[in-house]
Each structure stands twice: as C-alpha cells, then as structure tokens.
PDB file of all heavy atoms in Angstrom:
ATOM      1  N   MET A   1    -132.493 -90.383  96.517  1.00  0.00           N
ATOM      2  CA  MET A   1    -132.135 -89.023  96.211  1.00  0.00           C
ATOM      3  C   MET A   1    -132.152 -88.211  97.498  1.00  0.00           C
ATOM      4  O   MET A   1    -132.947 -88.479  98.398  1.00  0.00           O
ATOM      5  CB  MET A   1    -133.141 -88.426  95.221  1.00  0.00           C
ATOM      6  CG  MET A   1    -132.736 -87.049  94.780  1.00  0.00           C
ATOM      7  SD  MET A   1    -133.656 -86.346  93.406  1.00  0.00           S
ATOM      8  CE  MET A   1    -133.689 -87.642  92.209  1.00  0.00           C
ATOM      9  N   LYS A   2    -131.267 -87.212  97.577  1.00  0.00           N
ATOM     10  CA  LYS A   2    -131.275 -86.298  98.720  1.00  0.00           C
ATOM     11  C   LYS A   2    -130.924 -84.900  98.243  1.00  0.00           C
ATOM     12  O   LYS A   2    -130.296 -84.722  97.196  1.00  0.00           O
ATOM     13  CB  LYS A   2    -130.327 -86.757  99.818  1.00  0.00           C
ATOM     14  CG  LYS A   2    -128.862 -86.580  99.502  1.00  0.00           C
ATOM     15  CD  LYS A   2    -128.009 -86.943 100.699  1.00  0.00           C
ATOM     16  CE  LYS A   2    -126.581 -86.484 100.460  1.00  0.00           C
ATOM     17  NZ  LYS A   2    -125.776 -86.610 101.657  1.00  0.00           N
ATOM     18  N   PHE A   3    -131.343 -83.910  99.013  1.00  0.00           N
ATOM     19  CA  PHE A   3    -131.086 -82.517  98.694  1.00  0.00           C
ATOM     20  C   PHE A   3    -129.640 -82.217  99.052  1.00  0.00           C
ATOM     21  O   PHE A   3    -129.225 -82.387 100.191  1.00  0.00           O
ATOM     22  CB  PHE A   3    -132.059 -81.640  99.486  1.00  0.00           C
ATOM     23  CG  PHE A   3    -131.945 -80.177  99.201  1.00  0.00           C
ATOM     24  CD1 PHE A   3    -131.913 -79.693  97.898  1.00  0.00           C
ATOM     25  CD2 PHE A   3    -131.900 -79.272 100.229  1.00  0.00           C
ATOM     26  CE1 PHE A   3    -131.836 -78.344  97.635  1.00  0.00           C
ATOM     27  CE2 PHE A   3    -131.818 -77.910  99.984  1.00  0.00           C
ATOM     28  CZ  PHE A   3    -131.785 -77.452  98.684  1.00  0.00           C
ATOM     29  N   GLY A   4    -128.857 -81.763  98.083  1.00  0.00           N
ATOM     30  CA  GLY A   4    -127.431 -81.580  98.304  1.00  0.00           C
ATOM     31  C   GLY A   4    -126.947 -80.147  98.354  1.00  0.00           C
ATOM     32  O   GLY A   4    -126.079 -79.814  99.149  1.00  0.00           O
ATOM     33  N   TYR A   5    -127.502 -79.281  97.495  1.00  0.00           N
ATOM     34  CA  TYR A   5    -126.969 -77.921  97.360  1.00  0.00           C
ATOM     35  C   TYR A   5    -128.090 -76.911  97.159  1.00  0.00           C
ATOM     36  O   TYR A   5    -129.083 -77.215  96.500  1.00  0.00           O
ATOM     37  CB  TYR A   5    -126.083 -77.788  96.107  1.00  0.00           C
ATOM     38  CG  TYR A   5    -124.830 -78.594  96.106  1.00  0.00           C
ATOM     39  CD1 TYR A   5    -124.839 -79.911  95.678  1.00  0.00           C
ATOM     40  CD2 TYR A   5    -123.620 -78.040  96.502  1.00  0.00           C
ATOM     41  CE1 TYR A   5    -123.677 -80.669  95.652  1.00  0.00           C
ATOM     42  CE2 TYR A   5    -122.451 -78.781  96.474  1.00  0.00           C
ATOM     43  CZ  TYR A   5    -122.488 -80.098  96.047  1.00  0.00           C
ATOM     44  OH  TYR A   5    -121.332 -80.825  96.016  1.00  0.00           O
ATOM     45  N   THR A   6    -127.861 -75.717  97.632  1.00  0.00           N
ATOM     46  CA  THR A   6    -128.541 -74.523  97.166  1.00  0.00           C
ATOM     47  C   THR A   6    -127.432 -73.639  96.626  1.00  0.00           C
ATOM     48  O   THR A   6    -126.456 -73.373  97.333  1.00  0.00           O
ATOM     49  CB  THR A   6    -129.290 -73.795  98.296  1.00  0.00           C
ATOM     50  OG1 THR A   6    -130.364 -74.626  98.732  1.00  0.00           O
ATOM     51  CG2 THR A   6    -129.845 -72.460  97.821  1.00  0.00           C
ATOM     52  N   ILE A   7    -127.560 -73.223  95.379  1.00  0.00           N
ATOM     53  CA  ILE A   7    -126.556 -72.368  94.754  1.00  0.00           C
ATOM     54  C   ILE A   7    -127.214 -71.038  94.419  1.00  0.00           C
ATOM     55  O   ILE A   7    -128.233 -71.007  93.725  1.00  0.00           O
ATOM     56  CB  ILE A   7    -125.969 -73.018  93.490  1.00  0.00           C
ATOM     57  CG1 ILE A   7    -125.344 -74.373  93.832  1.00  0.00           C
ATOM     58  CG2 ILE A   7    -124.942 -72.074  92.843  1.00  0.00           C
ATOM     59  CD1 ILE A   7    -124.908 -75.190  92.625  1.00  0.00           C
ATOM     60  N   VAL A   8    -126.652 -69.962  94.931  1.00  0.00           N
ATOM     61  CA  VAL A   8    -127.160 -68.619  94.694  1.00  0.00           C
ATOM     62  C   VAL A   8    -126.203 -67.919  93.735  1.00  0.00           C
ATOM     63  O   VAL A   8    -124.995 -67.880  93.986  1.00  0.00           O
ATOM     64  CB  VAL A   8    -127.254 -67.830  96.021  1.00  0.00           C
ATOM     65  CG1 VAL A   8    -127.824 -66.444  95.773  1.00  0.00           C
ATOM     66  CG2 VAL A   8    -128.090 -68.591  97.047  1.00  0.00           C
ATOM     67  N   TYR A   9    -126.737 -67.372  92.658  1.00  0.00           N
ATOM     68  CA  TYR A   9    -125.920 -66.637  91.688  1.00  0.00           C
ATOM     69  C   TYR A   9    -125.812 -65.184  92.141  1.00  0.00           C
ATOM     70  O   TYR A   9    -126.818 -64.532  92.416  1.00  0.00           O
ATOM     71  CB  TYR A   9    -126.517 -66.766  90.286  1.00  0.00           C
ATOM     72  CG  TYR A   9    -126.405 -68.193  89.798  1.00  0.00           C
ATOM     73  CD1 TYR A   9    -127.408 -69.112  90.061  1.00  0.00           C
ATOM     74  CD2 TYR A   9    -125.262 -68.624  89.146  1.00  0.00           C
ATOM     75  CE1 TYR A   9    -127.285 -70.437  89.661  1.00  0.00           C
ATOM     76  CE2 TYR A   9    -125.133 -69.942  88.738  1.00  0.00           C
ATOM     77  CZ  TYR A   9    -126.146 -70.848  88.997  1.00  0.00           C
ATOM     78  OH  TYR A   9    -126.011 -72.158  88.610  1.00  0.00           O
ATOM     79  N   VAL A  10    -124.575 -64.708  92.248  1.00  0.00           N
ATOM     80  CA  VAL A  10    -124.285 -63.415  92.875  1.00  0.00           C
ATOM     81  C   VAL A  10    -123.246 -62.633  92.066  1.00  0.00           C
ATOM     82  O   VAL A  10    -122.510 -63.207  91.264  1.00  0.00           O
ATOM     83  CB  VAL A  10    -123.759 -63.623  94.320  1.00  0.00           C
ATOM     84  CG1 VAL A  10    -124.824 -64.278  95.201  1.00  0.00           C
ATOM     85  CG2 VAL A  10    -122.488 -64.469  94.329  1.00  0.00           C
ATOM     86  N   PRO A  11    -123.167 -61.309  92.305  1.00  0.00           N
ATOM     87  CA  PRO A  11    -122.160 -60.507  91.606  1.00  0.00           C
ATOM     88  C   PRO A  11    -120.728 -60.870  91.994  1.00  0.00           C
ATOM     89  O   PRO A  11    -119.838 -60.870  91.157  1.00  0.00           O
ATOM     90  CB  PRO A  11    -122.473 -59.078  92.025  1.00  0.00           C
ATOM     91  CG  PRO A  11    -123.866 -59.089  92.519  1.00  0.00           C
ATOM     92  CD  PRO A  11    -124.089 -60.466  93.062  1.00  0.00           C
ATOM     93  N   SER A  12    -120.500 -61.175  93.276  1.00  0.00           N
ATOM     94  CA  SER A  12    -119.152 -61.497  93.756  1.00  0.00           C
ATOM     95  C   SER A  12    -119.226 -62.642  94.751  1.00  0.00           C
ATOM     96  O   SER A  12    -119.718 -62.472  95.877  1.00  0.00           O
ATOM     97  CB  SER A  12    -118.510 -60.277  94.435  1.00  0.00           C
ATOM     98  OG  SER A  12    -117.332 -60.660  95.131  1.00  0.00           O
ATOM     99  N   VAL A  13    -118.755 -63.795  94.342  1.00  0.00           N
ATOM    100  CA  VAL A  13    -118.769 -64.976  95.208  1.00  0.00           C
ATOM    101  C   VAL A  13    -117.982 -64.698  96.487  1.00  0.00           C
ATOM    102  O   VAL A  13    -118.446 -64.991  97.590  1.00  0.00           O
ATOM    103  CB  VAL A  13    -118.195 -66.208  94.464  1.00  0.00           C
ATOM    104  CG1 VAL A  13    -118.021 -67.386  95.406  1.00  0.00           C
ATOM    105  CG2 VAL A  13    -119.096 -66.565  93.285  1.00  0.00           C
ATOM    106  N   GLU A  14    -116.816 -64.111  96.355  1.00  0.00           N
ATOM    107  CA  GLU A  14    -115.974 -63.836  97.520  1.00  0.00           C
ATOM    108  C   GLU A  14    -116.681 -62.900  98.512  1.00  0.00           C
ATOM    109  O   GLU A  14    -116.646 -63.134  99.714  1.00  0.00           O
ATOM    110  CB  GLU A  14    -114.643 -63.227  97.084  1.00  0.00           C
ATOM    111  CG  GLU A  14    -113.642 -63.129  98.206  1.00  0.00           C
ATOM    112  CD  GLU A  14    -112.272 -62.665  97.731  1.00  0.00           C
ATOM    113  OE1 GLU A  14    -112.009 -62.644  96.513  1.00  0.00           O
ATOM    114  OE2 GLU A  14    -111.469 -62.315  98.606  1.00  0.00           O
ATOM    115  N   SER A  15    -117.349 -61.873  98.016  1.00  0.00           N
ATOM    116  CA  SER A  15    -118.069 -60.952  98.898  1.00  0.00           C
ATOM    117  C   SER A  15    -119.231 -61.638  99.597  1.00  0.00           C
ATOM    118  O   SER A  15    -119.481 -61.395 100.785  1.00  0.00           O
ATOM    119  CB  SER A  15    -118.595 -59.753  98.102  1.00  0.00           C
ATOM    120  OG  SER A  15    -117.534 -58.978  97.629  1.00  0.00           O
ATOM    121  N   SER A  16    -119.944 -62.492  98.892  1.00  0.00           N
ATOM    122  CA  SER A  16    -121.062 -63.212  99.509  1.00  0.00           C
ATOM    123  C   SER A  16    -120.569 -64.166 100.585  1.00  0.00           C
ATOM    124  O   SER A  16    -121.150 -64.237 101.675  1.00  0.00           O
ATOM    125  CB  SER A  16    -121.866 -63.959  98.448  1.00  0.00           C
ATOM    126  OG  SER A  16    -122.497 -63.041  97.585  1.00  0.00           O
ATOM    127  N   LEU A  17    -119.502 -64.893 100.294  1.00  0.00           N
ATOM    128  CA  LEU A  17    -118.929 -65.784 101.308  1.00  0.00           C
ATOM    129  C   LEU A  17    -118.505 -64.983 102.539  1.00  0.00           C
ATOM    130  O   LEU A  17    -118.792 -65.373 103.678  1.00  0.00           O
ATOM    131  CB  LEU A  17    -117.726 -66.536 100.744  1.00  0.00           C
ATOM    132  CG  LEU A  17    -118.010 -67.593  99.686  1.00  0.00           C
ATOM    133  CD1 LEU A  17    -116.708 -68.076  99.057  1.00  0.00           C
ATOM    134  CD2 LEU A  17    -118.798 -68.756 100.255  1.00  0.00           C
ATOM    135  N   ARG A  18    -117.850 -63.862 102.318  1.00  0.00           N
ATOM    136  CA  ARG A  18    -117.381 -63.024 103.417  1.00  0.00           C
ATOM    137  C   ARG A  18    -118.553 -62.526 104.277  1.00  0.00           C
ATOM    138  O   ARG A  18    -118.503 -62.589 105.502  1.00  0.00           O
ATOM    139  CB  ARG A  18    -116.557 -61.845 102.887  1.00  0.00           C
ATOM    140  CG  ARG A  18    -115.921 -61.002 103.986  1.00  0.00           C
ATOM    141  CD  ARG A  18    -114.945 -59.928 103.480  1.00  0.00           C
ATOM    142  NE  ARG A  18    -115.308 -59.292 102.226  1.00  0.00           N
ATOM    143  CZ  ARG A  18    -114.749 -59.563 101.045  1.00  0.00           C
ATOM    144  NH1 ARG A  18    -113.787 -60.460 100.941  1.00  0.00           N
ATOM    145  NH2 ARG A  18    -115.138 -58.918  99.961  1.00  0.00           N
ATOM    146  N   PHE A  19    -119.638 -62.070 103.636  1.00  0.00           N
ATOM    147  CA  PHE A  19    -120.800 -61.609 104.393  1.00  0.00           C
ATOM    148  C   PHE A  19    -121.349 -62.714 105.281  1.00  0.00           C
ATOM    149  O   PHE A  19    -121.564 -62.516 106.474  1.00  0.00           O
ATOM    150  CB  PHE A  19    -121.917 -61.099 103.465  1.00  0.00           C
ATOM    151  CG  PHE A  19    -123.213 -60.889 104.191  1.00  0.00           C
ATOM    152  CD1 PHE A  19    -123.400 -59.767 105.001  1.00  0.00           C
ATOM    153  CD2 PHE A  19    -124.238 -61.822 104.108  1.00  0.00           C
ATOM    154  CE1 PHE A  19    -124.576 -59.591 105.712  1.00  0.00           C
ATOM    155  CE2 PHE A  19    -125.422 -61.648 104.806  1.00  0.00           C
ATOM    156  CZ  PHE A  19    -125.592 -60.523 105.612  1.00  0.00           C
ATOM    157  N   PHE A  20    -121.607 -63.890 104.726  1.00  0.00           N
ATOM    158  CA  PHE A  20    -122.202 -64.974 105.506  1.00  0.00           C
ATOM    159  C   PHE A  20    -121.264 -65.454 106.617  1.00  0.00           C
ATOM    160  O   PHE A  20    -121.723 -65.842 107.686  1.00  0.00           O
ATOM    161  CB  PHE A  20    -122.643 -66.121 104.595  1.00  0.00           C
ATOM    162  CG  PHE A  20    -123.966 -65.867 103.929  1.00  0.00           C
ATOM    163  CD1 PHE A  20    -124.041 -65.133 102.761  1.00  0.00           C
ATOM    164  CD2 PHE A  20    -125.145 -66.337 104.483  1.00  0.00           C
ATOM    165  CE1 PHE A  20    -125.258 -64.868 102.152  1.00  0.00           C
ATOM    166  CE2 PHE A  20    -126.375 -66.084 103.888  1.00  0.00           C
ATOM    167  CZ  PHE A  20    -126.431 -65.346 102.718  1.00  0.00           C
ATOM    168  N   CYS A  21    -119.973 -65.402 106.377  1.00  0.00           N
ATOM    169  CA  CYS A  21    -119.008 -65.780 107.433  1.00  0.00           C
ATOM    170  C   CYS A  21    -118.980 -64.725 108.535  1.00  0.00           C
ATOM    171  O   CYS A  21    -119.045 -65.065 109.721  1.00  0.00           O
ATOM    172  CB  CYS A  21    -117.614 -65.960 106.837  1.00  0.00           C
ATOM    173  SG  CYS A  21    -117.442 -67.425 105.788  1.00  0.00           S
ATOM    174  N   GLN A  22    -118.890 -63.464 108.160  1.00  0.00           N
ATOM    175  CA  GLN A  22    -118.783 -62.399 109.158  1.00  0.00           C
ATOM    176  C   GLN A  22    -120.101 -62.180 109.902  1.00  0.00           C
ATOM    177  O   GLN A  22    -120.106 -62.004 111.113  1.00  0.00           O
ATOM    178  CB  GLN A  22    -118.328 -61.102 108.501  1.00  0.00           C
ATOM    179  CG  GLN A  22    -116.901 -61.157 108.023  1.00  0.00           C
ATOM    180  CD  GLN A  22    -116.473 -59.901 107.272  1.00  0.00           C
ATOM    181  OE1 GLN A  22    -117.290 -59.073 106.877  1.00  0.00           O
ATOM    182  NE2 GLN A  22    -115.174 -59.766 107.074  1.00  0.00           N
ATOM    183  N   ALA A  23    -121.206 -62.164 109.197  1.00  0.00           N
ATOM    184  CA  ALA A  23    -122.496 -61.867 109.815  1.00  0.00           C
ATOM    185  C   ALA A  23    -123.006 -63.008 110.674  1.00  0.00           C
ATOM    186  O   ALA A  23    -123.608 -62.771 111.727  1.00  0.00           O
ATOM    187  CB  ALA A  23    -123.533 -61.515 108.745  1.00  0.00           C
ATOM    188  N   PHE A  24    -122.768 -64.247 110.264  1.00  0.00           N
ATOM    189  CA  PHE A  24    -123.389 -65.385 110.937  1.00  0.00           C
ATOM    190  C   PHE A  24    -122.407 -66.394 111.515  1.00  0.00           C
ATOM    191  O   PHE A  24    -122.813 -67.406 112.071  1.00  0.00           O
ATOM    192  CB  PHE A  24    -124.347 -66.095 109.975  1.00  0.00           C
ATOM    193  CG  PHE A  24    -125.365 -65.178 109.371  1.00  0.00           C
ATOM    194  CD1 PHE A  24    -125.460 -65.028 107.992  1.00  0.00           C
ATOM    195  CD2 PHE A  24    -126.223 -64.431 110.165  1.00  0.00           C
ATOM    196  CE1 PHE A  24    -126.393 -64.176 107.422  1.00  0.00           C
ATOM    197  CE2 PHE A  24    -127.159 -63.569 109.609  1.00  0.00           C
ATOM    198  CZ  PHE A  24    -127.241 -63.444 108.237  1.00  0.00           C
ATOM    199  N   GLY A  25    -121.113 -66.152 111.360  1.00  0.00           N
ATOM    200  CA  GLY A  25    -120.123 -67.059 111.925  1.00  0.00           C
ATOM    201  C   GLY A  25    -119.994 -68.373 111.178  1.00  0.00           C
ATOM    202  O   GLY A  25    -119.422 -69.326 111.714  1.00  0.00           O
ATOM    203  N   LEU A  26    -120.497 -68.443 109.946  1.00  0.00           N
ATOM    204  CA  LEU A  26    -120.330 -69.655 109.149  1.00  0.00           C
ATOM    205  C   LEU A  26    -118.885 -69.720 108.659  1.00  0.00           C
ATOM    206  O   LEU A  26    -118.190 -68.708 108.618  1.00  0.00           O
ATOM    207  CB  LEU A  26    -121.294 -69.644 107.964  1.00  0.00           C
ATOM    208  CG  LEU A  26    -122.780 -69.653 108.333  1.00  0.00           C
ATOM    209  CD1 LEU A  26    -123.639 -69.455 107.085  1.00  0.00           C
ATOM    210  CD2 LEU A  26    -123.151 -70.946 109.035  1.00  0.00           C
ATOM    211  N   GLU A  27    -118.461 -70.903 108.280  1.00  0.00           N
ATOM    212  CA  GLU A  27    -117.089 -71.080 107.796  1.00  0.00           C
ATOM    213  C   GLU A  27    -117.084 -71.361 106.302  1.00  0.00           C
ATOM    214  O   GLU A  27    -117.917 -72.105 105.794  1.00  0.00           O
ATOM    215  CB  GLU A  27    -116.421 -72.246 108.523  1.00  0.00           C
ATOM    216  CG  GLU A  27    -116.200 -71.983 109.994  1.00  0.00           C
ATOM    217  CD  GLU A  27    -115.527 -73.163 110.686  1.00  0.00           C
ATOM    218  OE1 GLU A  27    -115.058 -74.100 110.004  1.00  0.00           O
ATOM    219  OE2 GLU A  27    -115.482 -73.137 111.914  1.00  0.00           O
ATOM    220  N   GLN A  28    -116.127 -70.754 105.617  1.00  0.00           N
ATOM    221  CA  GLN A  28    -115.944 -71.025 104.196  1.00  0.00           C
ATOM    222  C   GLN A  28    -115.394 -72.435 104.037  1.00  0.00           C
ATOM    223  O   GLN A  28    -114.432 -72.821 104.694  1.00  0.00           O
ATOM    224  CB  GLN A  28    -114.967 -70.009 103.603  1.00  0.00           C
ATOM    225  CG  GLN A  28    -114.757 -70.184 102.122  1.00  0.00           C
ATOM    226  CD  GLN A  28    -113.875 -69.094 101.547  1.00  0.00           C
ATOM    227  OE1 GLN A  28    -114.164 -67.914 101.705  1.00  0.00           O
ATOM    228  NE2 GLN A  28    -112.804 -69.494 100.888  1.00  0.00           N
ATOM    229  N   LYS A  29    -116.026 -73.194 103.167  1.00  0.00           N
ATOM    230  CA  LYS A  29    -115.611 -74.573 102.902  1.00  0.00           C
ATOM    231  C   LYS A  29    -114.703 -74.646 101.681  1.00  0.00           C
ATOM    232  O   LYS A  29    -113.736 -75.396 101.655  1.00  0.00           O
ATOM    233  CB  LYS A  29    -116.868 -75.419 102.691  1.00  0.00           C
ATOM    234  CG  LYS A  29    -116.666 -76.865 102.382  1.00  0.00           C
ATOM    235  CD  LYS A  29    -118.032 -77.528 102.249  1.00  0.00           C
ATOM    236  CE  LYS A  29    -117.954 -78.964 101.845  1.00  0.00           C
ATOM    237  NZ  LYS A  29    -119.306 -79.549 101.722  1.00  0.00           N
ATOM    238  N   PHE A  30    -115.030 -73.816 100.665  1.00  0.00           N
ATOM    239  CA  PHE A  30    -114.318 -73.929  99.393  1.00  0.00           C
ATOM    240  C   PHE A  30    -114.513 -72.650  98.594  1.00  0.00           C
ATOM    241  O   PHE A  30    -115.600 -72.067  98.606  1.00  0.00           O
ATOM    242  CB  PHE A  30    -114.884 -75.128  98.608  1.00  0.00           C
ATOM    243  CG  PHE A  30    -114.364 -75.254  97.202  1.00  0.00           C
ATOM    244  CD1 PHE A  30    -113.103 -75.764  96.959  1.00  0.00           C
ATOM    245  CD2 PHE A  30    -115.136 -74.866  96.117  1.00  0.00           C
ATOM    246  CE1 PHE A  30    -112.622 -75.881  95.661  1.00  0.00           C
ATOM    247  CE2 PHE A  30    -114.669 -74.990  94.818  1.00  0.00           C
ATOM    248  CZ  PHE A  30    -113.407 -75.507  94.596  1.00  0.00           C
ATOM    249  N   LEU A  31    -113.468 -72.210  97.913  1.00  0.00           N
ATOM    250  CA  LEU A  31    -113.553 -71.130  96.931  1.00  0.00           C
ATOM    251  C   LEU A  31    -112.670 -71.533  95.759  1.00  0.00           C
ATOM    252  O   LEU A  31    -111.457 -71.709  95.924  1.00  0.00           O
ATOM    253  CB  LEU A  31    -113.105 -69.787  97.506  1.00  0.00           C
ATOM    254  CG  LEU A  31    -113.071 -68.607  96.529  1.00  0.00           C
ATOM    255  CD1 LEU A  31    -114.453 -68.342  95.931  1.00  0.00           C
ATOM    256  CD2 LEU A  31    -112.521 -67.364  97.203  1.00  0.00           C
ATOM    257  N   HIS A  32    -113.280 -71.715  94.597  1.00  0.00           N
ATOM    258  CA  HIS A  32    -112.517 -72.085  93.414  1.00  0.00           C
ATOM    259  C   HIS A  32    -111.549 -70.964  93.057  1.00  0.00           C
ATOM    260  O   HIS A  32    -111.851 -69.781  93.240  1.00  0.00           O
ATOM    261  CB  HIS A  32    -113.455 -72.370  92.233  1.00  0.00           C
ATOM    262  CG  HIS A  32    -112.745 -72.937  91.053  1.00  0.00           C
ATOM    263  ND1 HIS A  32    -112.247 -72.155  90.033  1.00  0.00           N
ATOM    264  CD2 HIS A  32    -112.416 -74.217  90.741  1.00  0.00           C
ATOM    265  CE1 HIS A  32    -111.659 -72.918  89.135  1.00  0.00           C
ATOM    266  NE2 HIS A  32    -111.749 -74.189  89.536  1.00  0.00           N
ATOM    267  N   GLU A  33    -110.392 -71.337  92.535  1.00  0.00           N
ATOM    268  CA  GLU A  33    -109.355 -70.353  92.200  1.00  0.00           C
ATOM    269  C   GLU A  33    -109.843 -69.298  91.203  1.00  0.00           C
ATOM    270  O   GLU A  33    -109.335 -68.177  91.173  1.00  0.00           O
ATOM    271  CB  GLU A  33    -108.103 -71.051  91.678  1.00  0.00           C
ATOM    272  CG  GLU A  33    -108.319 -71.821  90.401  1.00  0.00           C
ATOM    273  CD  GLU A  33    -107.132 -72.682  89.985  1.00  0.00           C
ATOM    274  OE1 GLU A  33    -106.364 -73.127  90.859  1.00  0.00           O
ATOM    275  OE2 GLU A  33    -106.979 -72.897  88.768  1.00  0.00           O
ATOM    276  N   SER A  34    -110.843 -69.619  90.409  1.00  0.00           N
ATOM    277  CA  SER A  34    -111.402 -68.654  89.455  1.00  0.00           C
ATOM    278  C   SER A  34    -112.223 -67.575  90.159  1.00  0.00           C
ATOM    279  O   SER A  34    -112.488 -66.518  89.582  1.00  0.00           O
ATOM    280  CB  SER A  34    -112.302 -69.372  88.440  1.00  0.00           C
ATOM    281  OG  SER A  34    -113.479 -69.858  89.090  1.00  0.00           O
ATOM    282  N   GLY A  35    -112.667 -67.866  91.386  1.00  0.00           N
ATOM    283  CA  GLY A  35    -113.541 -66.955  92.110  1.00  0.00           C
ATOM    284  C   GLY A  35    -114.995 -67.054  91.681  1.00  0.00           C
ATOM    285  O   GLY A  35    -115.847 -66.324  92.183  1.00  0.00           O
ATOM    286  N   ASP A  36    -115.306 -67.979  90.778  1.00  0.00           N
ATOM    287  CA  ASP A  36    -116.663 -68.104  90.248  1.00  0.00           C
ATOM    288  C   ASP A  36    -117.563 -69.036  91.044  1.00  0.00           C
ATOM    289  O   ASP A  36    -118.764 -69.113  90.773  1.00  0.00           O
ATOM    290  CB  ASP A  36    -116.629 -68.594  88.798  1.00  0.00           C
ATOM    291  CG  ASP A  36    -116.274 -67.499  87.818  1.00  0.00           C
ATOM    292  OD1 ASP A  36    -116.569 -66.324  88.096  1.00  0.00           O
ATOM    293  OD2 ASP A  36    -115.692 -67.826  86.761  1.00  0.00           O
ATOM    294  N   TYR A  37    -117.014 -69.749  92.016  1.00  0.00           N
ATOM    295  CA  TYR A  37    -117.818 -70.702  92.788  1.00  0.00           C
ATOM    296  C   TYR A  37    -117.211 -70.877  94.167  1.00  0.00           C
ATOM    297  O   TYR A  37    -115.989 -70.983  94.311  1.00  0.00           O
ATOM    298  CB  TYR A  37    -117.878 -72.067  92.077  1.00  0.00           C
ATOM    299  CG  TYR A  37    -118.691 -73.080  92.823  1.00  0.00           C
ATOM    300  CD1 TYR A  37    -120.078 -73.086  92.737  1.00  0.00           C
ATOM    301  CD2 TYR A  37    -118.073 -74.015  93.654  1.00  0.00           C
ATOM    302  CE1 TYR A  37    -120.828 -74.013  93.452  1.00  0.00           C
ATOM    303  CE2 TYR A  37    -118.815 -74.940  94.371  1.00  0.00           C
ATOM    304  CZ  TYR A  37    -120.196 -74.930  94.266  1.00  0.00           C
ATOM    305  OH  TYR A  37    -120.942 -75.838  94.981  1.00  0.00           O
ATOM    306  N   GLY A  38    -118.078 -70.900  95.182  1.00  0.00           N
ATOM    307  CA  GLY A  38    -117.621 -71.134  96.545  1.00  0.00           C
ATOM    308  C   GLY A  38    -118.717 -71.741  97.389  1.00  0.00           C
ATOM    309  O   GLY A  38    -119.906 -71.639  97.066  1.00  0.00           O
ATOM    310  N   GLU A  39    -118.310 -72.367  98.499  1.00  0.00           N
ATOM    311  CA  GLU A  39    -119.245 -73.049  99.386  1.00  0.00           C
ATOM    312  C   GLU A  39    -118.985 -72.667 100.836  1.00  0.00           C
ATOM    313  O   GLU A  39    -117.859 -72.339 101.211  1.00  0.00           O
ATOM    314  CB  GLU A  39    -119.091 -74.568  99.261  1.00  0.00           C
ATOM    315  CG  GLU A  39    -119.368 -75.114  97.894  1.00  0.00           C
ATOM    316  CD  GLU A  39    -119.141 -76.617  97.764  1.00  0.00           C
ATOM    317  OE1 GLU A  39    -118.587 -77.241  98.703  1.00  0.00           O
ATOM    318  OE2 GLU A  39    -119.518 -77.157  96.723  1.00  0.00           O
ATOM    319  N   LEU A  40    -120.047 -72.787 101.646  1.00  0.00           N
ATOM    320  CA  LEU A  40    -119.961 -72.595 103.087  1.00  0.00           C
ATOM    321  C   LEU A  40    -120.232 -73.908 103.799  1.00  0.00           C
ATOM    322  O   LEU A  40    -120.992 -74.747 103.292  1.00  0.00           O
ATOM    323  CB  LEU A  40    -121.008 -71.568 103.554  1.00  0.00           C
ATOM    324  CG  LEU A  40    -120.821 -70.141 103.069  1.00  0.00           C
ATOM    325  CD1 LEU A  40    -122.060 -69.316 103.396  1.00  0.00           C
ATOM    326  CD2 LEU A  40    -119.585 -69.521 103.709  1.00  0.00           C
ATOM    327  N   ASN A  41    -119.648 -74.095 104.979  1.00  0.00           N
ATOM    328  CA  ASN A  41    -120.004 -75.215 105.837  1.00  0.00           C
ATOM    329  C   ASN A  41    -121.316 -74.855 106.513  1.00  0.00           C
ATOM    330  O   ASN A  41    -121.372 -73.936 107.323  1.00  0.00           O
ATOM    331  CB  ASN A  41    -118.927 -75.445 106.909  1.00  0.00           C
ATOM    332  CG  ASN A  41    -117.734 -76.168 106.367  1.00  0.00           C
ATOM    333  OD1 ASN A  41    -117.859 -77.053 105.539  1.00  0.00           O
ATOM    334  ND2 ASN A  41    -116.554 -75.794 106.833  1.00  0.00           N
ATOM    335  N   THR A  42    -122.379 -75.562 106.151  1.00  0.00           N
ATOM    336  CA  THR A  42    -123.703 -75.260 106.704  1.00  0.00           C
ATOM    337  C   THR A  42    -124.432 -76.508 107.175  1.00  0.00           C
ATOM    338  O   THR A  42    -125.645 -76.482 107.352  1.00  0.00           O
ATOM    339  CB  THR A  42    -124.571 -74.543 105.648  1.00  0.00           C
ATOM    340  OG1 THR A  42    -124.610 -75.343 104.462  1.00  0.00           O
ATOM    341  CG2 THR A  42    -124.041 -73.167 105.325  1.00  0.00           C
ATOM    342  N   GLY A  43    -123.732 -77.590 107.352  1.00  0.00           N
ATOM    343  CA  GLY A  43    -124.389 -78.827 107.741  1.00  0.00           C
ATOM    344  C   GLY A  43    -124.452 -79.776 106.564  1.00  0.00           C
ATOM    345  O   GLY A  43    -123.626 -79.727 105.660  1.00  0.00           O
ATOM    346  N   GLU A  44    -125.469 -80.620 106.561  1.00  0.00           N
ATOM    347  CA  GLU A  44    -125.565 -81.663 105.541  1.00  0.00           C
ATOM    348  C   GLU A  44    -125.816 -81.100 104.141  1.00  0.00           C
ATOM    349  O   GLU A  44    -125.314 -81.613 103.151  1.00  0.00           O
ATOM    350  CB  GLU A  44    -126.678 -82.650 105.900  1.00  0.00           C
ATOM    351  CG  GLU A  44    -126.702 -83.853 104.987  1.00  0.00           C
ATOM    352  CD  GLU A  44    -127.690 -84.910 105.421  1.00  0.00           C
ATOM    353  OE1 GLU A  44    -127.912 -85.060 106.633  1.00  0.00           O
ATOM    354  OE2 GLU A  44    -128.236 -85.581 104.527  1.00  0.00           O
ATOM    355  N   THR A  45    -126.593 -80.033 104.034  1.00  0.00           N
ATOM    356  CA  THR A  45    -126.877 -79.412 102.745  1.00  0.00           C
ATOM    357  C   THR A  45    -125.945 -78.226 102.551  1.00  0.00           C
ATOM    358  O   THR A  45    -125.790 -77.397 103.435  1.00  0.00           O
ATOM    359  CB  THR A  45    -128.344 -78.945 102.673  1.00  0.00           C
ATOM    360  OG1 THR A  45    -129.187 -80.079 102.896  1.00  0.00           O
ATOM    361  CG2 THR A  45    -128.657 -78.340 101.325  1.00  0.00           C
ATOM    362  N   THR A  46    -125.316 -78.155 101.393  1.00  0.00           N
ATOM    363  CA  THR A  46    -124.323 -77.116 101.123  1.00  0.00           C
ATOM    364  C   THR A  46    -124.988 -75.848 100.600  1.00  0.00           C
ATOM    365  O   THR A  46    -125.814 -75.905  99.702  1.00  0.00           O
ATOM    366  CB  THR A  46    -123.313 -77.622 100.078  1.00  0.00           C
ATOM    367  OG1 THR A  46    -122.645 -78.775 100.618  1.00  0.00           O
ATOM    368  CG2 THR A  46    -122.291 -76.560  99.732  1.00  0.00           C
TER     369      THR A  46
END
C-alpha cells in the first residue's frame, strides 16, 4: 500500500486550483469537465 491522494473539499475546485498554481507555481494536472474534481502536479502524492 502507498499514500496516493489528499483530497480537499472546497467551494470551487477551479478557484482552488488557480490559487495553488498562482501562489506557489504548481501546475494543474487535471480538471474534470464537471468542475467537481481537479488535481495538481505535486510529486508522487497527488
């Protein structure tokens, strides 16, 4: 077994992704077309 994800429940997935990308230079990995789920490139753990 390995640690794979931390998922944070938020009011706006797109806004949270944008903050972490703009504030810390992280890259968006994925945003579902529904806007209900998204991921950042953060190394081995998502």
